[in-house]
Amino acid sequence: QVRLVESGGGLVQAGGSLRLSCAASGRTFTNTAMGWFRQAPGKEREFVAGISWSSSSTNYADSVKGRFTISRANARNTVYLQMNSLKPEDTAVYYCAARRPYLGITTHPTDYDYWGQGTQVTVSS
């Protein structure tokens, strides 16, 4: 059974940094595009960042460009999201998601087949 588990969330002051991790199990994810999404209270789930299976391509939401970096370690079946210069508006539950094999990055949540349980990120002002 496919399983994604996020970790690394927490409370941080504005301007601080956090590194989220997403550990995948159940099958290999080396040929799978992965994404990070977030959802704040009362808002829809939104795309944050995505990475292709080979790491040759990445995509970011405009709101996080230059501050967040997505990466992956296929040998560990793990995807990371390094978040720097955090702002209060980054506060949300962050979710890791995976597509089916050999598909590209997409920004639409409905295109992803597997989801983690989410990890809370709270940025205080």
N, C-alpha and C. Protein backbone atom coordinates (compact mmCIF):
# COMPACT_ATOMS: atom_id res chain seq x y z
N GLN A 1 0.84 -1.19 0.00
CA GLN A 1 0.00 0.00 0.00
C GLN A 1 0.88 1.24 0.00
N VAL A 2 0.54 2.19 -0.87
CA VAL A 2 1.31 3.43 -0.99
C VAL A 2 1.06 4.30 0.23
N ARG A 3 2.14 4.86 0.75
CA ARG A 3 2.02 5.72 1.92
C ARG A 3 3.01 6.87 1.81
N LEU A 4 2.52 8.09 2.09
CA LEU A 4 3.37 9.27 2.15
C LEU A 4 3.26 9.86 3.55
N VAL A 5 4.39 10.14 4.16
CA VAL A 5 4.40 10.67 5.52
C VAL A 5 5.24 11.93 5.56
N GLU A 6 4.59 13.05 5.91
CA GLU A 6 5.29 14.32 6.01
C GLU A 6 5.82 14.52 7.43
N SER A 7 6.88 15.28 7.54
CA SER A 7 7.42 15.67 8.84
C SER A 7 8.15 16.98 8.69
N GLY A 8 8.47 17.61 9.83
CA GLY A 8 9.27 18.82 9.80
C GLY A 8 8.50 20.10 10.03
N GLY A 9 7.19 20.01 10.13
CA GLY A 9 6.41 21.22 10.39
C GLY A 9 6.62 21.71 11.81
N GLY A 10 6.08 22.91 12.10
CA GLY A 10 6.19 23.45 13.44
C GLY A 10 5.88 24.93 13.47
N LEU A 11 6.26 25.55 14.58
CA LEU A 11 6.04 26.98 14.78
C LEU A 11 7.37 27.71 14.60
N VAL A 12 7.35 28.76 13.80
CA VAL A 12 8.57 29.52 13.54
C VAL A 12 8.21 31.00 13.42
N GLN A 13 9.15 31.86 13.76
CA GLN A 13 8.92 33.28 13.62
C GLN A 13 9.10 33.71 12.17
N ALA A 14 8.47 34.80 11.82
CA ALA A 14 8.62 35.35 10.47
C ALA A 14 10.10 35.59 10.18
N GLY A 15 10.51 35.22 8.96
CA GLY A 15 11.90 35.33 8.58
C GLY A 15 12.70 34.07 8.83
N GLY A 16 12.11 33.13 9.56
CA GLY A 16 12.79 31.88 9.86
C GLY A 16 12.68 30.86 8.76
N SER A 17 13.20 29.66 9.05
CA SER A 17 13.24 28.58 8.06
C SER A 17 12.73 27.28 8.65
N LEU A 18 12.20 26.44 7.77
CA LEU A 18 11.83 25.08 8.12
C LEU A 18 12.14 24.19 6.92
N ARG A 19 12.38 22.92 7.20
CA ARG A 19 12.58 21.95 6.13
C ARG A 19 11.59 20.81 6.30
N LEU A 20 10.71 20.68 5.35
CA LEU A 20 9.75 19.59 5.38
C LEU A 20 10.30 18.38 4.64
N SER A 21 9.95 17.21 5.12
CA SER A 21 10.33 15.96 4.46
C SER A 21 9.07 15.15 4.16
N CYS A 22 9.14 14.38 3.10
CA CYS A 22 8.04 13.48 2.74
C CYS A 22 8.66 12.13 2.41
N ALA A 23 8.40 11.15 3.26
CA ALA A 23 8.92 9.81 3.06
C ALA A 23 7.85 8.95 2.41
N ALA A 24 8.22 8.33 1.28
CA ALA A 24 7.28 7.50 0.53
C ALA A 24 7.60 6.03 0.74
N SER A 25 6.58 5.23 0.83
CA SER A 25 6.76 3.79 0.97
C SER A 25 5.64 3.06 0.24
N GLY A 26 5.83 1.78 0.03
CA GLY A 26 4.82 0.98 -0.63
C GLY A 26 5.20 0.61 -2.05
N ARG A 27 5.93 1.48 -2.69
CA ARG A 27 6.48 1.19 -4.00
C ARG A 27 7.55 2.23 -4.27
N THR A 28 8.33 2.03 -5.31
CA THR A 28 9.34 3.01 -5.62
C THR A 28 8.71 4.26 -6.23
N PHE A 29 9.24 5.41 -5.86
CA PHE A 29 8.75 6.68 -6.39
C PHE A 29 9.80 7.35 -7.26
N THR A 30 10.80 6.56 -7.69
CA THR A 30 11.88 7.16 -8.47
C THR A 30 11.41 7.62 -9.84
N ASN A 31 10.27 7.10 -10.34
CA ASN A 31 9.78 7.49 -11.65
C ASN A 31 8.50 8.32 -11.55
N THR A 32 8.35 9.01 -10.42
CA THR A 32 7.10 9.69 -10.11
C THR A 32 7.34 11.17 -9.83
N ALA A 33 6.56 12.04 -10.49
CA ALA A 33 6.59 13.45 -10.14
C ALA A 33 5.93 13.65 -8.78
N MET A 34 6.50 14.54 -8.00
CA MET A 34 6.01 14.79 -6.64
C MET A 34 5.69 16.26 -6.47
N GLY A 35 4.78 16.55 -5.57
CA GLY A 35 4.43 17.94 -5.34
C GLY A 35 4.17 18.23 -3.88
N TRP A 36 4.29 19.49 -3.53
CA TRP A 36 3.89 19.99 -2.22
C TRP A 36 2.72 20.96 -2.41
N PHE A 37 1.71 20.80 -1.60
CA PHE A 37 0.55 21.68 -1.59
C PHE A 37 0.34 22.19 -0.17
N ARG A 38 -0.47 23.20 -0.05
CA ARG A 38 -0.81 23.70 1.29
C ARG A 38 -2.26 24.16 1.33
N GLN A 39 -2.81 24.12 2.53
CA GLN A 39 -4.18 24.55 2.71
C GLN A 39 -4.32 25.31 4.02
N ALA A 40 -4.71 26.57 3.91
CA ALA A 40 -4.95 27.39 5.08
C ALA A 40 -6.42 27.30 5.45
N PRO A 41 -6.77 27.61 6.69
CA PRO A 41 -8.17 27.52 7.12
C PRO A 41 -9.08 28.39 6.25
N GLY A 42 -10.16 27.79 5.77
CA GLY A 42 -11.12 28.53 4.96
C GLY A 42 -10.71 28.74 3.52
N LYS A 43 -9.57 28.18 3.12
CA LYS A 43 -9.08 28.36 1.76
C LYS A 43 -8.95 27.02 1.06
N GLU A 44 -8.88 27.08 -0.27
CA GLU A 44 -8.70 25.86 -1.05
C GLU A 44 -7.24 25.41 -0.98
N ARG A 45 -7.06 24.13 -1.25
CA ARG A 45 -5.69 23.60 -1.30
C ARG A 45 -5.00 24.19 -2.53
N GLU A 46 -3.76 24.66 -2.32
CA GLU A 46 -3.04 25.30 -3.41
C GLU A 46 -1.67 24.68 -3.63
N PHE A 47 -1.24 24.72 -4.88
CA PHE A 47 0.07 24.21 -5.27
C PHE A 47 1.16 25.09 -4.70
N VAL A 48 2.22 24.46 -4.21
CA VAL A 48 3.38 25.18 -3.70
C VAL A 48 4.61 24.93 -4.58
N ALA A 49 4.93 23.66 -4.80
CA ALA A 49 6.11 23.32 -5.59
C ALA A 49 5.98 21.90 -6.12
N GLY A 50 6.65 21.64 -7.24
CA GLY A 50 6.65 20.31 -7.82
C GLY A 50 8.01 19.98 -8.38
N ILE A 51 8.29 18.67 -8.47
CA ILE A 51 9.58 18.22 -8.99
C ILE A 51 9.36 16.98 -9.83
N SER A 52 10.05 16.91 -10.97
CA SER A 52 9.93 15.75 -11.84
C SER A 52 10.66 14.57 -11.23
N TRP A 53 10.42 13.39 -11.80
CA TRP A 53 11.01 12.19 -11.23
C TRP A 53 12.53 12.23 -11.29
N SER A 54 13.09 12.89 -12.31
CA SER A 54 14.54 12.94 -12.47
C SER A 54 15.17 14.16 -11.82
N SER A 55 14.35 15.02 -11.23
CA SER A 55 14.81 16.28 -10.65
C SER A 55 15.26 17.30 -11.69
N SER A 56 15.06 17.00 -12.97
CA SER A 56 15.51 17.91 -14.02
C SER A 56 14.58 19.11 -14.17
N SER A 57 13.39 19.00 -13.62
CA SER A 57 12.41 20.07 -13.76
C SER A 57 11.73 20.34 -12.42
N THR A 58 11.61 21.62 -12.08
CA THR A 58 10.88 22.02 -10.89
C THR A 58 9.92 23.16 -11.25
N ASN A 59 8.93 23.35 -10.43
CA ASN A 59 7.94 24.40 -10.64
C ASN A 59 7.52 24.95 -9.29
N TYR A 60 7.31 26.25 -9.21
CA TYR A 60 6.96 26.88 -7.94
C TYR A 60 5.79 27.85 -8.12
N ALA A 61 4.99 27.97 -7.10
CA ALA A 61 3.99 29.02 -7.07
C ALA A 61 4.70 30.36 -6.99
N ASP A 62 4.12 31.38 -7.60
CA ASP A 62 4.76 32.70 -7.58
C ASP A 62 4.99 33.20 -6.16
N SER A 63 4.10 32.83 -5.25
CA SER A 63 4.18 33.33 -3.88
C SER A 63 5.37 32.78 -3.11
N VAL A 64 5.99 31.71 -3.60
CA VAL A 64 7.11 31.11 -2.86
C VAL A 64 8.42 31.12 -3.65
N LYS A 65 8.38 31.58 -4.89
CA LYS A 65 9.59 31.60 -5.70
C LYS A 65 10.69 32.41 -5.03
N GLY A 66 11.89 31.87 -5.03
CA GLY A 66 13.02 32.55 -4.42
C GLY A 66 13.14 32.31 -2.93
N ARG A 67 12.11 31.72 -2.32
CA ARG A 67 12.16 31.44 -0.88
C ARG A 67 12.13 29.95 -0.57
N PHE A 68 11.41 29.18 -1.38
CA PHE A 68 11.27 27.74 -1.16
C PHE A 68 12.05 26.98 -2.22
N THR A 69 12.56 25.81 -1.82
CA THR A 69 13.27 24.94 -2.75
C THR A 69 12.81 23.51 -2.55
N ILE A 70 12.38 22.87 -3.63
CA ILE A 70 11.99 21.47 -3.58
C ILE A 70 13.14 20.62 -4.11
N SER A 71 13.36 19.48 -3.47
CA SER A 71 14.40 18.56 -3.92
C SER A 71 13.97 17.14 -3.57
N ARG A 72 14.72 16.17 -4.08
CA ARG A 72 14.37 14.79 -3.77
C ARG A 72 15.62 13.94 -3.69
N ALA A 73 15.53 12.88 -2.92
CA ALA A 73 16.59 11.88 -2.80
C ALA A 73 15.95 10.55 -3.14
N ASN A 74 16.07 10.16 -4.40
CA ASN A 74 15.36 8.96 -4.85
C ASN A 74 15.84 7.69 -4.14
N ALA A 75 17.10 7.68 -3.77
CA ALA A 75 17.62 6.50 -3.06
C ALA A 75 16.92 6.31 -1.72
N ARG A 76 16.40 7.41 -1.18
CA ARG A 76 15.70 7.34 0.10
C ARG A 76 14.18 7.44 -0.07
N ASN A 77 13.71 7.52 -1.32
CA ASN A 77 12.28 7.70 -1.56
C ASN A 77 11.73 8.89 -0.77
N THR A 78 12.49 9.98 -0.77
CA THR A 78 12.13 11.14 0.05
C THR A 78 12.17 12.42 -0.77
N VAL A 79 11.19 13.29 -0.52
CA VAL A 79 11.14 14.61 -1.14
C VAL A 79 11.20 15.65 -0.02
N TYR A 80 11.88 16.75 -0.30
CA TYR A 80 12.07 17.80 0.70
C TYR A 80 11.49 19.13 0.20
N LEU A 81 11.15 19.97 1.15
CA LEU A 81 10.78 21.35 0.84
C LEU A 81 11.49 22.25 1.84
N GLN A 82 12.52 22.93 1.37
CA GLN A 82 13.25 23.88 2.19
C GLN A 82 12.53 25.22 2.09
N MET A 83 12.12 25.74 3.23
CA MET A 83 11.35 26.98 3.26
C MET A 83 12.14 28.04 4.04
N ASN A 84 12.54 29.09 3.35
CA ASN A 84 13.29 30.18 3.96
C ASN A 84 12.47 31.46 3.92
N SER A 85 12.88 32.43 4.71
CA SER A 85 12.21 33.74 4.75
C SER A 85 10.70 33.57 4.90
N LEU A 86 10.32 32.77 5.83
CA LEU A 86 8.90 32.46 6.01
C LEU A 86 8.10 33.69 6.43
N LYS A 87 6.86 33.74 5.96
CA LYS A 87 5.96 34.84 6.24
C LYS A 87 4.70 34.29 6.94
N PRO A 88 4.01 35.13 7.68
CA PRO A 88 2.76 34.66 8.32
C PRO A 88 1.77 34.07 7.32
N GLU A 89 1.75 34.58 6.11
CA GLU A 89 0.82 34.06 5.10
C GLU A 89 1.21 32.67 4.59
N ASP A 90 2.37 32.17 4.99
CA ASP A 90 2.74 30.79 4.66
C ASP A 90 2.12 29.79 5.63
N THR A 91 1.47 30.28 6.66
CA THR A 91 0.84 29.40 7.64
C THR A 91 -0.25 28.55 6.98
N ALA A 92 -0.12 27.24 7.13
CA ALA A 92 -1.06 26.30 6.50
C ALA A 92 -0.67 24.88 6.90
N VAL A 93 -1.53 23.95 6.53
CA VAL A 93 -1.15 22.54 6.58
C VAL A 93 -0.52 22.22 5.23
N TYR A 94 0.67 21.63 5.26
CA TYR A 94 1.40 21.31 4.04
C TYR A 94 1.29 19.82 3.76
N TYR A 95 0.96 19.52 2.50
CA TYR A 95 0.75 18.15 2.08
C TYR A 95 1.74 17.76 0.98
N CYS A 96 2.21 16.54 1.06
CA CYS A 96 3.01 15.94 0.02
C CYS A 96 2.10 15.11 -0.86
N ALA A 97 2.36 15.10 -2.17
CA ALA A 97 1.50 14.35 -3.09
C ALA A 97 2.35 13.73 -4.20
N ALA A 98 1.86 12.62 -4.73
CA ALA A 98 2.56 11.91 -5.80
C ALA A 98 1.61 11.61 -6.96
N ARG A 99 2.16 11.65 -8.15
CA ARG A 99 1.37 11.28 -9.33
C ARG A 99 1.62 9.82 -9.67
N ARG A 100 0.91 9.32 -10.62
CA ARG A 100 1.20 7.99 -11.12
C ARG A 100 2.50 8.05 -11.93
N PRO A 101 3.15 6.92 -12.14
CA PRO A 101 4.47 6.91 -12.79
C PRO A 101 4.51 7.54 -14.17
N TYR A 102 5.64 8.21 -14.45
CA TYR A 102 5.96 8.74 -15.77
C TYR A 102 5.07 9.88 -16.23
N LEU A 103 4.41 10.54 -15.30
CA LEU A 103 3.65 11.73 -15.62
C LEU A 103 4.42 12.96 -15.15
N GLY A 104 4.17 14.11 -15.76
CA GLY A 104 4.93 15.31 -15.43
C GLY A 104 4.35 16.08 -14.26
N ILE A 105 5.02 17.18 -13.95
CA ILE A 105 4.56 18.05 -12.87
C ILE A 105 3.26 18.73 -13.30
N THR A 106 2.36 18.88 -12.37
CA THR A 106 1.14 19.64 -12.60
C THR A 106 0.81 20.41 -11.34
N THR A 107 0.09 21.50 -11.49
CA THR A 107 -0.26 22.32 -10.33
C THR A 107 -1.65 22.01 -9.78
N HIS A 108 -2.36 21.07 -10.40
CA HIS A 108 -3.74 20.77 -10.00
C HIS A 108 -3.79 19.62 -8.99
N PRO A 109 -4.36 19.85 -7.83
CA PRO A 109 -4.43 18.78 -6.82
C PRO A 109 -5.12 17.52 -7.34
N THR A 110 -6.10 17.66 -8.20
CA THR A 110 -6.84 16.50 -8.67
C THR A 110 -6.01 15.59 -9.56
N ASP A 111 -4.86 16.06 -10.02
CA ASP A 111 -3.99 15.24 -10.86
C ASP A 111 -3.09 14.31 -10.05
N TYR A 112 -3.10 14.48 -8.74
CA TYR A 112 -2.24 13.67 -7.87
C TYR A 112 -3.06 12.54 -7.25
N ASP A 113 -2.46 11.35 -7.24
CA ASP A 113 -3.19 10.16 -6.81
C ASP A 113 -2.93 9.77 -5.36
N TYR A 114 -1.83 10.20 -4.81
CA TYR A 114 -1.46 9.79 -3.45
C TYR A 114 -1.14 11.04 -2.63
N TRP A 115 -1.61 11.03 -1.38
CA TRP A 115 -1.44 12.17 -0.49
C TRP A 115 -1.00 11.72 0.90
N GLY A 116 -0.20 12.59 1.52
CA GLY A 116 0.13 12.37 2.91
C GLY A 116 -0.94 12.96 3.82
N GLN A 117 -0.72 12.84 5.13
CA GLN A 117 -1.70 13.31 6.09
C GLN A 117 -1.55 14.79 6.39
N GLY A 118 -0.44 15.38 6.00
CA GLY A 118 -0.22 16.80 6.21
C GLY A 118 0.59 17.10 7.46
N THR A 119 1.29 18.23 7.43
CA THR A 119 2.04 18.70 8.58
C THR A 119 1.79 20.20 8.72
N GLN A 120 1.55 20.63 9.95
CA GLN A 120 1.18 22.03 10.20
C GLN A 120 2.43 22.91 10.23
N VAL A 121 2.36 24.01 9.52
CA VAL A 121 3.39 25.04 9.56
C VAL A 121 2.71 26.33 10.02
N THR A 122 3.23 26.90 11.10
CA THR A 122 2.69 28.14 11.64
C THR A 122 3.80 29.17 11.73
N VAL A 123 3.60 30.31 11.11
CA VAL A 123 4.59 31.38 11.10
C VAL A 123 4.02 32.56 11.88
N SER A 124 4.67 32.90 12.96
CA SER A 124 4.20 34.01 13.78
C SER A 124 4.86 35.32 13.34
N SER A 125 4.13 36.41 13.52
CA SER A 125 4.65 37.72 13.09
C SER A 125 5.39 38.41 14.20
